[in-house]
Amino acid sequence: MPDDAEALADRLREEGSRVVKFFNQLSPEQWKVVIYPQQSDWTMHHLLAHFVSAEVGRQELVENVYNGGEGAPQQFDIDRFNQTEVERLSKQSSQDLLRSFTQGRAKLVEMVGSMSDQELSQVGRDPYLGQVALIEMIKLTYLHLQIHLRDARRCL
């Protein structure tokens, strides 16, 4: 798959649709399945809260680097951020979380789809990857969710 803005936006759109479809197909019992016992017993609902948190955070990160910023602060603690945000967001209903995820993904797809090759090559700090080009940050955005969905499917 080419690494131009249109292809990346399409991939984000497709992966976002898969995420929504996956969660929409869960039964009430499946929402309670624990996926990551080491993460304070994250259930499917917690995982969706994590997806919303990641979506908003990735969008802010991409926008920051796109606008000439440095990206994530050096001292950013991704694990603490994830735990805090999941605790906060998991108080919302699954439907509200799905709506937030869908809205956030649509904004990111629009932003990425309008980027030039030069803009995609801008470098900033990703909290997981370190100093990388925007294109790599964007790829991680959908790969991250794919990994979690694979884990979730194994638990079902």
Foldseek 3Di string as FASTA:
>chain_A
DDLALLVLLVLLVVLLVVVLVVVVPDDPVQQQQFLDVVLVRDGVLLVLQLLLLLLVLLLVQLVQQLVPHQGDDPPDDVSVSSSVSSVVSSVDDSVVSSVSNVVSSVVSSVVSNPDGPVSQQRWHQDPVPGIGGNSVSSVCSSVVVVVSVVSSVVSD
